[in-house]
Amino acid sequence: ELLVARRRAAEGVERRKEQMQAQIERVLPLSRALAAAHRQVQDAKEGLSVERARLGDLQRLLTTRQQSMVAQVAALYPVRVFRDLPVAQNHHSRTNGENSVSMCLP
């Protein structure tokens, strides 16, 4: 009886071993695919980070250029800014009571 029990236990162990091997063979390619996808995501994140930095630099450059252009235009065409003039003096004012800004070329 002990010999039969050992043989059955050994067969059970062998069956479980085969089942586990089959599961490993199914999981291994999925694990490799997941690792490859993870690498692709990390590469994409790095690319986005580089692109975000480049766009930030470009935004700063454009802002600086815009400020420079505004300064150049202001130097060529100086304007006087009048704030909160009474309606009678400011023909561009709004009638709804909001503060208004009127610009006038000298």
PDB file of N, CA and C in Angstrom:
ATOM      1  N   GLU A   1       0.815  -1.195   0.000  1.00  0.00           N
ATOM      2  CA  GLU A   1       0.000   0.000   0.000  1.00  0.00           C
ATOM      3  C   GLU A   1       0.860   1.262   0.000  1.00  0.00           C
ATOM      4  N   LEU A   2       1.890   1.239   0.776  1.00  0.00           N
ATOM      5  CA  LEU A   2       2.771   2.399   0.842  1.00  0.00           C
ATOM      6  C   LEU A   2       3.427   2.661  -0.507  1.00  0.00           C
ATOM      7  N   LEU A   3       3.807   1.597  -1.193  1.00  0.00           N
ATOM      8  CA  LEU A   3       4.426   1.723  -2.511  1.00  0.00           C
ATOM      9  C   LEU A   3       3.438   2.309  -3.520  1.00  0.00           C
ATOM     10  N   VAL A   4       2.190   1.875  -3.462  1.00  0.00           N
ATOM     11  CA  VAL A   4       1.143   2.386  -4.361  1.00  0.00           C
ATOM     12  C   VAL A   4       0.879   3.860  -4.058  1.00  0.00           C
ATOM     13  N   ALA A   5       0.830   4.206  -2.796  1.00  0.00           N
ATOM     14  CA  ALA A   5       0.596   5.602  -2.404  1.00  0.00           C
ATOM     15  C   ALA A   5       1.737   6.490  -2.885  1.00  0.00           C
ATOM     16  N   ARG A   6       2.973   5.976  -2.766  1.00  0.00           N
ATOM     17  CA  ARG A   6       4.126   6.750  -3.236  1.00  0.00           C
ATOM     18  C   ARG A   6       4.080   6.933  -4.746  1.00  0.00           C
ATOM     19  N   ARG A   7       3.705   5.863  -5.451  1.00  0.00           N
ATOM     20  CA  ARG A   7       3.630   5.934  -6.907  1.00  0.00           C
ATOM     21  C   ARG A   7       2.555   6.938  -7.327  1.00  0.00           C
ATOM     22  N   ARG A   8       1.390   6.901  -6.671  1.00  0.00           N
ATOM     23  CA  ARG A   8       0.310   7.844  -6.993  1.00  0.00           C
ATOM     24  C   ARG A   8       0.737   9.276  -6.670  1.00  0.00           C
ATOM     25  N   ALA A   9       1.413   9.437  -5.563  1.00  0.00           N
ATOM     26  CA  ALA A   9       1.897  10.773  -5.199  1.00  0.00           C
ATOM     27  C   ALA A   9       2.906  11.263  -6.230  1.00  0.00           C
ATOM     28  N   ALA A  10       3.799  10.387  -6.667  1.00  0.00           N
ATOM     29  CA  ALA A  10       4.794  10.752  -7.673  1.00  0.00           C
ATOM     30  C   ALA A  10       4.114  11.103  -8.992  1.00  0.00           C
ATOM     31  N   GLU A  11       3.077  10.333  -9.361  1.00  0.00           N
ATOM     32  CA  GLU A  11       2.329  10.641 -10.587  1.00  0.00           C
ATOM     33  C   GLU A  11       1.619  11.987 -10.460  1.00  0.00           C
ATOM     34  N   GLY A  12       1.057  12.233  -9.284  1.00  0.00           N
ATOM     35  CA  GLY A  12       0.395  13.525  -9.046  1.00  0.00           C
ATOM     36  C   GLY A  12       1.380  14.676  -9.144  1.00  0.00           C
ATOM     37  N   VAL A  13       2.553  14.460  -8.560  1.00  0.00           N
ATOM     38  CA  VAL A  13       3.591  15.490  -8.626  1.00  0.00           C
ATOM     39  C   VAL A  13       4.011  15.715 -10.070  1.00  0.00           C
ATOM     40  N   GLU A  14       4.161  14.639 -10.821  1.00  0.00           N
ATOM     41  CA  GLU A  14       4.563  14.751 -12.229  1.00  0.00           C
ATOM     42  C   GLU A  14       3.497  15.486 -13.044  1.00  0.00           C
ATOM     43  N   ARG A  15       2.223  15.173 -12.780  1.00  0.00           N
ATOM     44  CA  ARG A  15       1.124  15.852 -13.479  1.00  0.00           C
ATOM     45  C   ARG A  15       1.131  17.354 -13.167  1.00  0.00           C
ATOM     46  N   ARG A  16       1.303  17.675 -11.897  1.00  0.00           N
ATOM     47  CA  ARG A  16       1.336  19.083 -11.502  1.00  0.00           C
ATOM     48  C   ARG A  16       2.537  19.802 -12.138  1.00  0.00           C
ATOM     49  N   LYS A  17       3.633  19.097 -12.207  1.00  0.00           N
ATOM     50  CA  LYS A  17       4.835  19.660 -12.823  1.00  0.00           C
ATOM     51  C   LYS A  17       4.581  19.969 -14.296  1.00  0.00           C
ATOM     52  N   GLU A  18       3.926  19.043 -15.000  1.00  0.00           N
ATOM     53  CA  GLU A  18       3.596  19.254 -16.415  1.00  0.00           C
ATOM     54  C   GLU A  18       2.618  20.418 -16.576  1.00  0.00           C
ATOM     55  N   GLN A  19       1.636  20.494 -15.674  1.00  0.00           N
ATOM     56  CA  GLN A  19       0.669  21.590 -15.741  1.00  0.00           C
ATOM     57  C   GLN A  19       1.367  22.945 -15.520  1.00  0.00           C
ATOM     58  N   MET A  20       2.239  22.956 -14.538  1.00  0.00           N
ATOM     59  CA  MET A  20       2.960  24.202 -14.263  1.00  0.00           C
ATOM     60  C   MET A  20       3.868  24.588 -15.427  1.00  0.00           C
ATOM     61  N   GLN A  21       4.489  23.587 -16.041  1.00  0.00           N
ATOM     62  CA  GLN A  21       5.345  23.864 -17.198  1.00  0.00           C
ATOM     63  C   GLN A  21       4.518  24.449 -18.341  1.00  0.00           C
ATOM     64  N   ALA A  22       3.316  23.895 -18.557  1.00  0.00           N
ATOM     65  CA  ALA A  22       2.427  24.417 -19.603  1.00  0.00           C
ATOM     66  C   ALA A  22       2.019  25.857 -19.284  1.00  0.00           C
ATOM     67  N   GLN A  23       1.727  26.130 -18.021  1.00  0.00           N
ATOM     68  CA  GLN A  23       1.362  27.495 -17.628  1.00  0.00           C
ATOM     69  C   GLN A  23       2.537  28.450 -17.835  1.00  0.00           C
ATOM     70  N   ILE A  24       3.716  27.991 -17.487  1.00  0.00           N
ATOM     71  CA  ILE A  24       4.915  28.823 -17.685  1.00  0.00           C
ATOM     72  C   ILE A  24       5.106  29.119 -19.164  1.00  0.00           C
ATOM     73  N   GLU A  25       4.897  28.119 -20.006  1.00  0.00           N
ATOM     74  CA  GLU A  25       5.057  28.317 -21.450  1.00  0.00           C
ATOM     75  C   GLU A  25       4.023  29.290 -22.003  1.00  0.00           C
ATOM     76  N   ARG A  26       2.836  29.353 -21.380  1.00  0.00           N
ATOM     77  CA  ARG A  26       1.822  30.323 -21.811  1.00  0.00           C
ATOM     78  C   ARG A  26       2.136  31.722 -21.281  1.00  0.00           C
ATOM     79  N   VAL A  27       2.647  31.790 -20.070  1.00  0.00           N
ATOM     80  CA  VAL A  27       2.875  33.082 -19.430  1.00  0.00           C
ATOM     81  C   VAL A  27       4.159  33.753 -19.926  1.00  0.00           C
ATOM     82  N   LEU A  28       5.162  32.988 -20.230  1.00  0.00           N
ATOM     83  CA  LEU A  28       6.458  33.553 -20.611  1.00  0.00           C
ATOM     84  C   LEU A  28       6.377  34.499 -21.816  1.00  0.00           C
ATOM     85  N   PRO A  29       5.719  34.107 -22.923  1.00  0.00           N
ATOM     86  CA  PRO A  29       5.614  35.063 -24.046  1.00  0.00           C
ATOM     87  C   PRO A  29       4.823  36.321 -23.664  1.00  0.00           C
ATOM     88  N   LEU A  30       3.798  36.139 -22.831  1.00  0.00           N
ATOM     89  CA  LEU A  30       3.022  37.304 -22.394  1.00  0.00           C
ATOM     90  C   LEU A  30       3.884  38.233 -21.545  1.00  0.00           C
ATOM     91  N   SER A  31       4.708  37.647 -20.711  1.00  0.00           N
ATOM     92  CA  SER A  31       5.609  38.439 -19.878  1.00  0.00           C
ATOM     93  C   SER A  31       6.606  39.208 -20.742  1.00  0.00           C
ATOM     94  N   ARG A  32       7.125  38.558 -21.766  1.00  0.00           N
ATOM     95  CA  ARG A  32       8.061  39.238 -22.673  1.00  0.00           C
ATOM     96  C   ARG A  32       7.368  40.373 -23.421  1.00  0.00           C
ATOM     97  N   ALA A  33       6.140  40.112 -23.868  1.00  0.00           N
ATOM     98  CA  ALA A  33       5.386  41.153 -24.574  1.00  0.00           C
ATOM     99  C   ALA A  33       5.100  42.330 -23.643  1.00  0.00           C
ATOM    100  N   LEU A  34       4.771  42.030 -22.400  1.00  0.00           N
ATOM    101  CA  LEU A  34       4.510  43.088 -21.430  1.00  0.00           C
ATOM    102  C   LEU A  34       5.768  43.916 -21.169  1.00  0.00           C
ATOM    103  N   ALA A  35       6.900  43.249 -21.049  1.00  0.00           N
ATOM    104  CA  ALA A  35       8.166  43.963 -20.838  1.00  0.00           C
ATOM    105  C   ALA A  35       8.483  44.856 -22.038  1.00  0.00           C
ATOM    106  N   ALA A  36       8.243  44.352 -23.246  1.00  0.00           N
ATOM    107  CA  ALA A  36       8.493  45.156 -24.450  1.00  0.00           C
ATOM    108  C   ALA A  36       7.552  46.361 -24.491  1.00  0.00           C
ATOM    109  N   ALA A  37       6.281  46.140 -24.152  1.00  0.00           N
ATOM    110  CA  ALA A  37       5.321  47.246 -24.133  1.00  0.00           C
ATOM    111  C   ALA A  37       5.717  48.278 -23.082  1.00  0.00           C
ATOM    112  N   HIS A  38       6.190  47.811 -21.943  1.00  0.00           N
ATOM    113  CA  HIS A  38       6.629  48.727 -20.886  1.00  0.00           C
ATOM    114  C   HIS A  38       7.803  49.578 -21.379  1.00  0.00           C
ATOM    115  N   ARG A  39       8.743  48.956 -22.072  1.00  0.00           N
ATOM    116  CA  ARG A  39       9.875  49.712 -22.628  1.00  0.00           C
ATOM    117  C   ARG A  39       9.381  50.764 -23.622  1.00  0.00           C
ATOM    118  N   GLN A  40       8.405  50.377 -24.449  1.00  0.00           N
ATOM    119  CA  GLN A  40       7.871  51.337 -25.422  1.00  0.00           C
ATOM    120  C   GLN A  40       7.203  52.517 -24.716  1.00  0.00           C
ATOM    121  N   VAL A  41       6.463  52.228 -23.652  1.00  0.00           N
ATOM    122  CA  VAL A  41       5.810  53.302 -22.900  1.00  0.00           C
ATOM    123  C   VAL A  41       6.856  54.218 -22.275  1.00  0.00           C
ATOM    124  N   GLN A  42       7.903  53.636 -21.709  1.00  0.00           N
ATOM    125  CA  GLN A  42       8.959  54.451 -21.101  1.00  0.00           C
ATOM    126  C   GLN A  42       9.652  55.314 -22.159  1.00  0.00           C
ATOM    127  N   ASP A  43       9.902  54.738 -23.334  1.00  0.00           N
ATOM    128  CA  ASP A  43      10.511  55.508 -24.422  1.00  0.00           C
ATOM    129  C   ASP A  43       9.595  56.650 -24.853  1.00  0.00           C
ATOM    130  N   ALA A  44       8.293  56.360 -24.943  1.00  0.00           N
ATOM    131  CA  ALA A  44       7.331  57.394 -25.328  1.00  0.00           C
ATOM    132  C   ALA A  44       7.279  58.495 -24.274  1.00  0.00           C
ATOM    133  N   LYS A  45       7.315  58.120 -22.996  1.00  0.00           N
ATOM    134  CA  LYS A  45       7.319  59.123 -21.927  1.00  0.00           C
ATOM    135  C   LYS A  45       8.555  60.008 -22.022  1.00  0.00           C
ATOM    136  N   GLU A  46       9.690  59.395 -22.280  1.00  0.00           N
ATOM    137  CA  GLU A  46      10.926  60.163 -22.410  1.00  0.00           C
ATOM    138  C   GLU A  46      10.830  61.117 -23.602  1.00  0.00           C
ATOM    139  N   GLY A  47      10.288  60.616 -24.719  1.00  0.00           N
ATOM    140  CA  GLY A  47      10.114  61.467 -25.894  1.00  0.00           C
ATOM    141  C   GLY A  47       9.184  62.635 -25.611  1.00  0.00           C
ATOM    142  N   LEU A  48       8.100  62.373 -24.878  1.00  0.00           N
ATOM    143  CA  LEU A  48       7.173  63.447 -24.526  1.00  0.00           C
ATOM    144  C   LEU A  48       7.830  64.465 -23.602  1.00  0.00           C
ATOM    145  N   SER A  49       8.641  63.979 -22.695  1.00  0.00           N
ATOM    146  CA  SER A  49       9.336  64.885 -21.783  1.00  0.00           C
ATOM    147  C   SER A  49      10.277  65.805 -22.557  1.00  0.00           C
ATOM    148  N   VAL A  50      11.005  65.239 -23.501  1.00  0.00           N
ATOM    149  CA  VAL A  50      11.908  66.039 -24.334  1.00  0.00           C
ATOM    150  C   VAL A  50      11.101  67.041 -25.154  1.00  0.00           C
ATOM    151  N   GLU A  51       9.994  66.581 -25.717  1.00  0.00           N
ATOM    152  CA  GLU A  51       9.150  67.462 -26.534  1.00  0.00           C
ATOM    153  C   GLU A  51       8.544  68.576 -25.679  1.00  0.00           C
ATOM    154  N   ARG A  52       8.110  68.239 -24.467  1.00  0.00           N
ATOM    155  CA  ARG A  52       7.548  69.242 -23.564  1.00  0.00           C
ATOM    156  C   ARG A  52       8.597  70.312 -23.244  1.00  0.00           C
ATOM    157  N   ALA A  53       9.820  69.883 -22.993  1.00  0.00           N
ATOM    158  CA  ALA A  53      10.899  70.838 -22.711  1.00  0.00           C
ATOM    159  C   ALA A  53      11.164  71.715 -23.929  1.00  0.00           C
ATOM    160  N   ARG A  54      11.163  71.114 -25.112  1.00  0.00           N
ATOM    161  CA  ARG A  54      11.393  71.879 -26.341  1.00  0.00           C
ATOM    162  C   ARG A  54      10.277  72.903 -26.554  1.00  0.00           C
ATOM    163  N   LEU A  55       9.035  72.481 -26.315  1.00  0.00           N
ATOM    164  CA  LEU A  55       7.911  73.398 -26.484  1.00  0.00           C
ATOM    165  C   LEU A  55       7.949  74.523 -25.448  1.00  0.00           C
ATOM    166  N   GLY A  56       8.392  74.206 -24.231  1.00  0.00           N
ATOM    167  CA  GLY A  56       8.547  75.252 -23.216  1.00  0.00           C
ATOM    168  C   GLY A  56       9.585  76.273 -23.639  1.00  0.00           C
ATOM    169  N   ASP A  57      10.703  75.779 -24.168  1.00  0.00           N
ATOM    170  CA  ASP A  57      11.739  76.690 -24.667  1.00  0.00           C
ATOM    171  C   ASP A  57      11.199  77.552 -25.806  1.00  0.00           C
ATOM    172  N   LEU A  58      10.448  76.934 -26.701  1.00  0.00           N
ATOM    173  CA  LEU A  58       9.866  77.666 -27.823  1.00  0.00           C
ATOM    174  C   LEU A  58       8.864  78.708 -27.331  1.00  0.00           C
ATOM    175  N   GLN A  59       8.066  78.341 -26.323  1.00  0.00           N
ATOM    176  CA  GLN A  59       7.098  79.291 -25.760  1.00  0.00           C
ATOM    177  C   GLN A  59       7.813  80.498 -25.160  1.00  0.00           C
ATOM    178  N   ARG A  60       8.887  80.246 -24.423  1.00  0.00           N
ATOM    179  CA  ARG A  60       9.655  81.355 -23.848  1.00  0.00           C
ATOM    180  C   ARG A  60      10.256  82.226 -24.955  1.00  0.00           C
ATOM    181  N   LEU A  61      10.766  81.590 -25.999  1.00  0.00           N
ATOM    182  CA  LEU A  61      11.334  82.330 -27.123  1.00  0.00           C
ATOM    183  C   LEU A  61      10.271  83.203 -27.793  1.00  0.00           C
ATOM    184  N   LEU A  62       9.092  82.637 -28.007  1.00  0.00           N
ATOM    185  CA  LEU A  62       8.014  83.396 -28.646  1.00  0.00           C
ATOM    186  C   LEU A  62       7.544  84.548 -27.765  1.00  0.00           C
ATOM    187  N   THR A  63       7.467  84.306 -26.464  1.00  0.00           N
ATOM    188  CA  THR A  63       7.064  85.372 -25.544  1.00  0.00           C
ATOM    189  C   THR A  63       8.076  86.510 -25.569  1.00  0.00           C
ATOM    190  N   THR A  64       9.351  86.157 -25.544  1.00  0.00           N
ATOM    191  CA  THR A  64      10.407  87.170 -25.609  1.00  0.00           C
ATOM    192  C   THR A  64      10.325  87.939 -26.922  1.00  0.00           C
ATOM    193  N   ARG A  65      10.114  87.214 -28.007  1.00  0.00           N
ATOM    194  CA  ARG A  65      10.011  87.859 -29.326  1.00  0.00           C
ATOM    195  C   ARG A  65       8.794  88.778 -29.384  1.00  0.00           C
ATOM    196  N   GLN A  66       7.688  88.331 -28.826  1.00  0.00           N
ATOM    197  CA  GLN A  66       6.480  89.149 -28.820  1.00  0.00           C
ATOM    198  C   GLN A  66       6.718  90.436 -28.024  1.00  0.00           C
ATOM    199  N   GLN A  67       7.345  90.316 -26.863  1.00  0.00           N
ATOM    200  CA  GLN A  67       7.634  91.500 -26.054  1.00  0.00           C
ATOM    201  C   GLN A  67       8.550  92.458 -26.808  1.00  0.00           C
ATOM    202  N   SER A  68       9.524  91.903 -27.508  1.00  0.00           N
ATOM    203  CA  SER A  68      10.438  92.731 -28.294  1.00  0.00           C
ATOM    204  C   SER A  68       9.687  93.455 -29.408  1.00  0.00           C
ATOM    205  N   MET A  69       8.799  92.737 -30.080  1.00  0.00           N
ATOM    206  CA  MET A  69       8.035  93.348 -31.173  1.00  0.00           C
ATOM    207  C   MET A  69       7.105  94.437 -30.642  1.00  0.00           C
ATOM    208  N   VAL A  70       6.484  94.188 -29.508  1.00  0.00           N
ATOM    209  CA  VAL A  70       5.607  95.203 -28.908  1.00  0.00           C
ATOM    210  C   VAL A  70       6.422  96.443 -28.558  1.00  0.00           C
ATOM    211  N   ALA A  71       7.612  96.229 -28.004  1.00  0.00           N
ATOM    212  CA  ALA A  71       8.474  97.364 -27.662  1.00  0.00           C
ATOM    213  C   ALA A  71       8.881  98.128 -28.918  1.00  0.00           C
ATOM    214  N   GLN A  72       9.179  97.414 -30.000  1.00  0.00           N
ATOM    215  CA  GLN A  72       9.560  98.076 -31.251  1.00  0.00           C
ATOM    216  C   GLN A  72       8.403  98.893 -31.812  1.00  0.00           C
ATOM    217  N   VAL A  73       7.210  98.309 -31.798  1.00  0.00           N
ATOM    218  CA  VAL A  73       6.036  99.032 -32.303  1.00  0.00           C
ATOM    219  C   VAL A  73       5.757 100.239 -31.422  1.00  0.00           C
ATOM    220  N   ALA A  74       5.877 100.059 -30.103  1.00  0.00           N
ATOM    221  CA  ALA A  74       5.642 101.181 -29.185  1.00  0.00           C
ATOM    222  C   ALA A  74       6.655 102.293 -29.417  1.00  0.00           C
ATOM    223  N   ALA A  75       7.890 101.926 -29.766  1.00  0.00           N
ATOM    224  CA  ALA A  75       8.902 102.947 -30.045  1.00  0.00           C
ATOM    225  C   ALA A  75       8.588 103.684 -31.345  1.00  0.00           C
ATOM    226  N   LEU A  76       8.056 102.984 -32.327  1.00  0.00           N
ATOM    227  CA  LEU A  76       7.724 103.609 -33.613  1.00  0.00           C
ATOM    228  C   LEU A  76       6.443 104.424 -33.541  1.00  0.00           C
ATOM    229  N   TYR A  77       5.457 103.910 -32.818  1.00  0.00           N
ATOM    230  CA  TYR A  77       4.143 104.539 -32.726  1.00  0.00           C
ATOM    231  C   TYR A  77       3.774 104.718 -31.260  1.00  0.00           C
ATOM    232  N   PRO A  78       4.317 105.721 -30.612  1.00  0.00           N
ATOM    233  CA  PRO A  78       3.998 105.901 -29.190  1.00  0.00           C
ATOM    234  C   PRO A  78       2.522 106.238 -29.016  1.00  0.00           C
ATOM    235  N   VAL A  79       1.946 105.716 -27.983  1.00  0.00           N
ATOM    236  CA  VAL A  79       0.537 105.981 -27.688  1.00  0.00           C
ATOM    237  C   VAL A  79       0.425 106.481 -26.262  1.00  0.00           C
ATOM    238  N   ARG A  80      -0.605 107.286 -26.039  1.00  0.00           N
ATOM    239  CA  ARG A  80      -0.914 107.725 -24.683  1.00  0.00           C
ATOM    240  C   ARG A  80      -2.136 106.946 -24.236  1.00  0.00           C
ATOM    241  N   VAL A  81      -2.094 106.468 -23.032  1.00  0.00           N
ATOM    242  CA  VAL A  81      -3.212 105.688 -22.512  1.00  0.00           C
ATOM    243  C   VAL A  81      -3.955 106.545 -21.505  1.00  0.00           C
ATOM    244  N   PHE A  82      -5.257 106.699 -21.733  1.00  0.00           N
ATOM    245  CA  PHE A  82      -6.113 107.442 -20.808  1.00  0.00           C
ATOM    246  C   PHE A  82      -7.027 106.446 -20.124  1.00  0.00           C
ATOM    247  N   ARG A  83      -7.043 106.482 -18.814  1.00  0.00           N
ATOM    248  CA  ARG A  83      -7.891 105.555 -18.063  1.00  0.00           C
ATOM    249  C   ARG A  83      -8.989 106.341 -17.345  1.00  0.00           C
ATOM    250  N   ASP A  84     -10.149 105.745 -17.306  1.00  0.00           N
ATOM    251  CA  ASP A  84     -11.276 106.241 -16.519  1.00  0.00           C
ATOM    252  C   ASP A  84     -11.636 107.698 -16.819  1.00  0.00           C
ATOM    253  N   LEU A  85     -11.648 108.043 -18.081  1.00  0.00           N
ATOM    254  CA  LEU A  85     -12.102 109.378 -18.447  1.00  0.00           C
ATOM    255  C   LEU A  85     -13.621 109.408 -18.402  1.00  0.00           C
ATOM    256  N   PRO A  86     -14.190 110.538 -18.098  1.00  0.00           N
ATOM    257  CA  PRO A  86     -15.656 110.641 -18.161  1.00  0.00           C
ATOM    258  C   PRO A  86     -16.128 110.374 -19.586  1.00  0.00           C
ATOM    259  N   VAL A  87     -17.358 109.927 -19.708  1.00  0.00           N
ATOM    260  CA  VAL A  87     -17.905 109.544 -21.006  1.00  0.00           C
ATOM    261  C   VAL A  87     -17.832 110.704 -21.995  1.00  0.00           C
ATOM    262  N   ALA A  88     -18.043 111.918 -21.539  1.00  0.00           N
ATOM    263  CA  ALA A  88     -18.023 113.068 -22.438  1.00  0.00           C
ATOM    264  C   ALA A  88     -16.643 113.274 -23.055  1.00  0.00           C
ATOM    265  N   GLN A  89     -15.578 112.940 -22.331  1.00  0.00           N
ATOM    266  CA  GLN A  89     -14.230 113.134 -22.844  1.00  0.00           C
ATOM    267  C   GLN A  89     -13.701 111.921 -23.586  1.00  0.00           C
ATOM    268  N   ASN A  90     -14.283 110.778 -23.368  1.00  0.00           N
ATOM    269  CA  ASN A  90     -13.753 109.537 -23.944  1.00  0.00           C
ATOM    270  C   ASN A  90     -14.801 108.939 -24.868  1.00  0.00           C
ATOM    271  N   HIS A  91     -14.689 109.201 -26.149  1.00  0.00           N
ATOM    272  CA  HIS A  91     -15.696 108.728 -27.090  1.00  0.00           C
ATOM    273  C   HIS A  91     -15.618 107.225 -27.336  1.00  0.00           C
ATOM    274  N   HIS A  92     -14.569 106.536 -26.877  1.00  0.00           N
ATOM    275  CA  HIS A  92     -14.451 105.088 -27.040  1.00  0.00           C
ATOM    276  C   HIS A  92     -14.914 104.331 -25.799  1.00  0.00           C
ATOM    277  N   SER A  93     -15.398 105.018 -24.811  1.00  0.00           N
ATOM    278  CA  SER A  93     -15.710 104.349 -23.546  1.00  0.00           C
ATOM    279  C   SER A  93     -16.948 103.476 -23.691  1.00  0.00           C
ATOM    280  N   ARG A  94     -17.049 102.539 -22.794  1.00  0.00           N
ATOM    281  CA  ARG A  94     -18.214 101.652 -22.763  1.00  0.00           C
ATOM    282  C   ARG A  94     -19.310 102.342 -21.967  1.00  0.00           C
ATOM    283  N   THR A  95     -20.538 102.026 -22.273  1.00  0.00           N
ATOM    284  CA  THR A  95     -21.649 102.666 -21.583  1.00  0.00           C
ATOM    285  C   THR A  95     -22.144 101.840 -20.409  1.00  0.00           C
ATOM    286  N   ASN A  96     -21.560 100.699 -20.151  1.00  0.00           N
ATOM    287  CA  ASN A  96     -22.050  99.850 -19.067  1.00  0.00           C
ATOM    288  C   ASN A  96     -21.340 100.118 -17.749  1.00  0.00           C
ATOM    289  N   GLY A  97     -20.552 101.163 -17.643  1.00  0.00           N
ATOM    290  CA  GLY A  97     -19.933 101.527 -16.381  1.00  0.00           C
ATOM    291  C   GLY A  97     -18.606 100.856 -16.101  1.00  0.00           C
ATOM    292  N   GLU A  98     -18.111 100.013 -16.991  1.00  0.00           N
ATOM    293  CA  GLU A  98     -16.821  99.362 -16.761  1.00  0.00           C
ATOM    294  C   GLU A  98     -15.705 100.371 -16.960  1.00  0.00           C
ATOM    295  N   ASN A  99     -14.574 100.103 -16.308  1.00  0.00           N
ATOM    296  CA  ASN A  99     -13.400 100.938 -16.546  1.00  0.00           C
ATOM    297  C   ASN A  99     -13.010 100.789 -18.002  1.00  0.00           C
ATOM    298  N   SER A 100     -12.577 101.855 -18.582  1.00  0.00           N
ATOM    299  CA  SER A 100     -12.222 101.776 -19.988  1.00  0.00           C
ATOM    300  C   SER A 100     -10.816 102.304 -20.200  1.00  0.00           C
ATOM    301  N   VAL A 101     -10.243 101.867 -21.284  1.00  0.00           N
ATOM    302  CA  VAL A 101      -8.921 102.328 -21.680  1.00  0.00           C
ATOM    303  C   VAL A 101      -9.060 102.878 -23.082  1.00  0.00           C
ATOM    304  N   SER A 102      -8.568 104.052 -23.276  1.00  0.00           N
ATOM    305  CA  SER A 102      -8.616 104.659 -24.596  1.00  0.00           C
ATOM    306  C   SER A 102      -7.198 105.006 -24.992  1.00  0.00           C
ATOM    307  N   MET A 103      -6.847 104.705 -26.217  1.00  0.00           N
ATOM    308  CA  MET A 103      -5.508 105.024 -26.692  1.00  0.00           C
ATOM    309  C   MET A 103      -5.614 106.065 -27.784  1.00  0.00           C
ATOM    310  N   CYS A 104      -4.675 106.944 -27.771  1.00  0.00           N
ATOM    311  CA  CYS A 104      -4.697 108.035 -28.727  1.00  0.00           C
ATOM    312  C   CYS A 104      -3.287 108.243 -29.247  1.00  0.00           C
ATOM    313  N   LEU A 105      -3.136 108.294 -30.548  1.00  0.00           N
ATOM    314  CA  LEU A 105      -1.823 108.578 -31.127  1.00  0.00           C
ATOM    315  C   LEU A 105      -1.519 110.052 -30.930  1.00  0.00           C
ATOM    316  N   PRO A 106      -0.263 110.412 -30.605  1.00  0.00           N
ATOM    317  CA  PRO A 106       0.089 111.835 -30.393  1.00  0.00           C
ATOM    318  C   PRO A 106       0.090 112.602 -31.696  1.00  0.00           C
TER     319      PRO A 106
END
